[in-house]
C-alpha cells in the first residue's frame, strides 16, 4: 500500500495539472497515467538503488519513453504529455527550502539543498533529453536516404 497510494496521488495531481493546461479529455487520462507510471518507476528504482539522483534519472527516462510512445499513438506533440506527467517528480519542495535557507541566511543549508535540488532537476532533464535524442536518431535512421555514389552531394 505504501507504493500504490503515492502513485494514485501523482495520478490525481497530473489530472489536475492537465485540466489547468486544458489538455484534451482523451489525452488527459493518458497523461495522468504517465505521471503515475513515472512516480512508480521512481519508487521501484528507489527500492533497488539508494541514490535519489539516479532514481530521478530513471523516472525521467520512463516518463519520456512513455510520453514518446503515447505521442505516436495519439498523434499529438510529446510536450503535451511530458509537461503534465513530469509534475510529480519536479523538486518543488527542494526549491522552496533552498529559497527559505537563503532568506534566513543559512548559507550551508542553502548550498547543500540547492545543489541537491539542481542535481534532481538536472537528472530529470538529462533523462528526458537522452530519450528525445535516441528517438530523433532512430527516426533519422528510419528515413530512406537516396545516396548515389556517382552524384555529388553538397
Protein backbone atom coordinates (compact mmCIF):
# COMPACT_ATOMS: atom_id res chain seq x y z
CA UNK A 1 0.00 0.00 0.00
CA UNK A 2 2.92 2.32 0.63
CA UNK A 3 3.83 2.14 -3.06
CA UNK A 4 0.35 2.30 -4.57
CA UNK A 5 -1.00 5.32 -2.71
CA UNK A 6 1.74 7.77 -3.88
CA UNK A 7 1.11 6.65 -7.46
CA UNK A 8 -2.60 7.36 -7.03
CA UNK A 9 -1.75 10.80 -5.62
CA UNK A 10 0.52 11.54 -8.57
CA UNK A 11 -2.22 10.41 -10.95
CA UNK A 12 -4.67 12.91 -9.49
CA UNK A 13 -2.02 15.64 -9.39
CA UNK A 14 -1.31 15.12 -13.09
CA UNK A 15 -5.03 15.04 -13.77
CA UNK A 16 -5.47 18.42 -12.09
CA UNK A 17 -2.48 19.94 -13.90
CA UNK A 18 -3.78 18.58 -17.19
CA UNK A 19 -7.09 20.30 -16.55
CA UNK A 20 -5.28 23.57 -15.84
CA UNK A 21 -3.29 23.18 -19.07
CA UNK A 22 -6.56 22.46 -20.91
CA UNK A 23 -5.45 19.11 -22.25
CA UNK A 24 -7.95 17.18 -24.36
CA UNK A 25 -10.19 14.80 -22.44
CA UNK A 26 -8.90 11.64 -24.07
CA UNK A 27 -5.27 12.73 -23.58
CA UNK A 28 -5.86 13.86 -20.00
CA UNK A 29 -6.24 10.38 -18.51
CA UNK A 30 -3.32 9.04 -20.52
CA UNK A 31 -1.02 11.85 -19.36
CA UNK A 32 -2.08 11.27 -15.76
CA UNK A 33 -1.30 7.57 -16.13
CA UNK A 34 2.12 8.58 -17.47
CA UNK A 35 2.71 10.68 -14.36
CA UNK A 36 1.71 7.82 -12.09
CA UNK A 37 3.92 5.49 -14.12
CA UNK A 38 6.86 7.86 -13.69
CA UNK A 39 6.38 8.03 -9.95
CA UNK A 40 6.07 4.23 -9.82
CA UNK A 41 9.35 4.00 -11.75
CA UNK A 42 10.96 6.27 -9.16
CA UNK A 43 9.64 4.19 -6.25
CA UNK A 44 10.59 0.91 -7.93
CA UNK A 45 14.11 2.08 -8.71
CA UNK A 46 14.44 3.53 -5.20
CA UNK A 47 13.79 0.04 -3.87
CA UNK A 48 16.95 -1.22 -5.63
CA UNK A 49 19.14 1.90 -5.82
CA UNK A 50 19.96 4.03 -2.79
CA UNK A 51 20.93 7.17 -4.72
CA UNK A 52 18.00 9.56 -5.25
CA UNK A 53 19.59 11.30 -8.23
CA UNK A 54 19.83 8.07 -10.21
CA UNK A 55 16.25 7.19 -9.28
CA UNK A 56 15.02 10.55 -10.57
CA UNK A 57 17.01 9.97 -13.76
CA UNK A 58 15.33 6.58 -14.25
CA UNK A 59 11.97 8.19 -13.58
CA UNK A 60 12.67 10.90 -16.18
CA UNK A 61 13.64 8.25 -18.73
CA UNK A 62 10.48 6.24 -18.00
CA UNK A 63 8.23 9.30 -18.28
CA UNK A 64 9.86 10.43 -21.52
CA UNK A 65 9.69 6.96 -23.09
CA UNK A 66 6.02 6.58 -22.23
CA UNK A 67 5.29 10.11 -23.48
CA UNK A 68 7.06 9.40 -26.79
CA UNK A 69 5.04 6.23 -27.29
CA UNK A 70 1.79 7.98 -26.36
CA UNK A 71 2.54 10.86 -28.71
CA UNK A 72 2.98 8.43 -31.60
CA UNK A 73 -0.18 6.53 -30.73
CA UNK A 74 -2.35 9.63 -30.18
CA UNK A 75 -0.70 11.64 -32.99
CA UNK A 76 -0.06 14.72 -30.89
CA UNK A 77 3.06 16.52 -29.63
CA UNK A 78 5.22 14.90 -26.98
CA UNK A 79 5.31 18.11 -24.97
CA UNK A 80 1.59 17.93 -24.21
CA UNK A 81 2.12 14.64 -22.37
CA UNK A 82 5.53 15.47 -20.97
CA UNK A 83 4.64 18.76 -19.29
CA UNK A 84 1.75 17.19 -17.43
CA UNK A 85 3.36 13.89 -16.50
CA UNK A 86 6.63 15.33 -15.20
CA UNK A 87 4.87 17.32 -12.46
CA UNK A 88 5.11 14.72 -9.63
CA UNK A 89 8.88 14.42 -9.97
CA UNK A 90 9.69 18.14 -10.09
CA UNK A 91 11.60 19.04 -6.89
CA UNK A 92 9.31 21.86 -5.78
CA UNK A 93 9.93 21.29 -2.09
CA UNK A 94 13.66 21.48 -2.64
CA UNK A 95 13.27 24.80 -4.42
CA UNK A 96 11.13 26.14 -1.61
CA UNK A 97 13.56 25.11 1.12
CA UNK A 98 16.52 26.42 -0.86
CA UNK A 99 14.95 29.86 -1.00
CA UNK A 100 13.93 29.65 2.66
CA UNK A 101 17.51 28.91 3.73
CA UNK A 102 18.75 31.73 1.53
CA UNK A 103 16.35 34.23 3.11
CA UNK A 104 17.27 33.05 6.60
CA UNK A 105 20.95 33.44 5.80
CA UNK A 106 21.85 29.79 6.42
CA UNK A 107 24.42 29.50 3.65
CA UNK A 108 25.47 25.93 4.47
CA UNK A 109 21.93 24.55 4.21
CA UNK A 110 21.22 26.81 1.22
CA UNK A 111 24.15 25.40 -0.72
CA UNK A 112 23.51 21.74 0.13
CA UNK A 113 19.76 21.94 -0.52
CA UNK A 114 20.29 23.99 -3.68
CA UNK A 115 22.88 21.57 -5.04
CA UNK A 116 20.62 18.59 -4.34
CA UNK A 117 17.65 20.33 -5.98
CA UNK A 118 19.69 21.25 -9.04
CA UNK A 119 21.00 17.70 -9.25
CA UNK A 120 17.49 16.25 -9.18
CA UNK A 121 16.25 18.70 -11.80
CA UNK A 122 19.31 18.03 -13.95
CA UNK A 123 18.84 14.26 -13.68
CA UNK A 124 15.22 14.51 -14.79
CA UNK A 125 16.15 16.81 -17.66
CA UNK A 126 19.03 14.55 -18.70
CA UNK A 127 16.69 11.55 -18.80
CA UNK A 128 14.23 13.42 -20.99
CA UNK A 129 16.94 14.72 -23.31
CA UNK A 130 18.51 11.28 -23.69
CA UNK A 131 15.20 9.70 -24.68
CA UNK A 132 14.40 12.54 -27.09
CA UNK A 133 17.85 12.24 -28.68
CA UNK A 134 17.58 8.49 -29.11
CA UNK A 135 14.10 8.81 -30.63
CA UNK A 136 15.29 11.52 -33.02
CA UNK A 137 18.30 9.41 -34.02
CA UNK A 138 16.07 6.38 -34.55
CA UNK A 139 13.65 8.37 -36.69
CA UNK A 140 16.54 9.75 -38.74
CA UNK A 141 17.91 6.27 -39.35
CA UNK A 142 14.48 5.03 -40.45
CA UNK A 143 14.25 7.61 -43.24
CA UNK A 144 15.37 6.36 -46.62
CA UNK A 145 18.47 8.01 -47.98
CA UNK A 146 18.93 8.47 -51.65
CA UNK A 147 22.68 8.49 -51.83
CA UNK A 148 24.21 7.67 -55.17
CA UNK A 149 27.97 7.33 -55.21
CA UNK A 150 28.32 8.85 -58.68
CA UNK A 151 26.42 12.04 -57.82
CA UNK A 152 27.93 14.90 -55.91
CA UNK A 153 26.26 15.91 -52.64
CA UNK A 154 26.77 19.27 -51.01
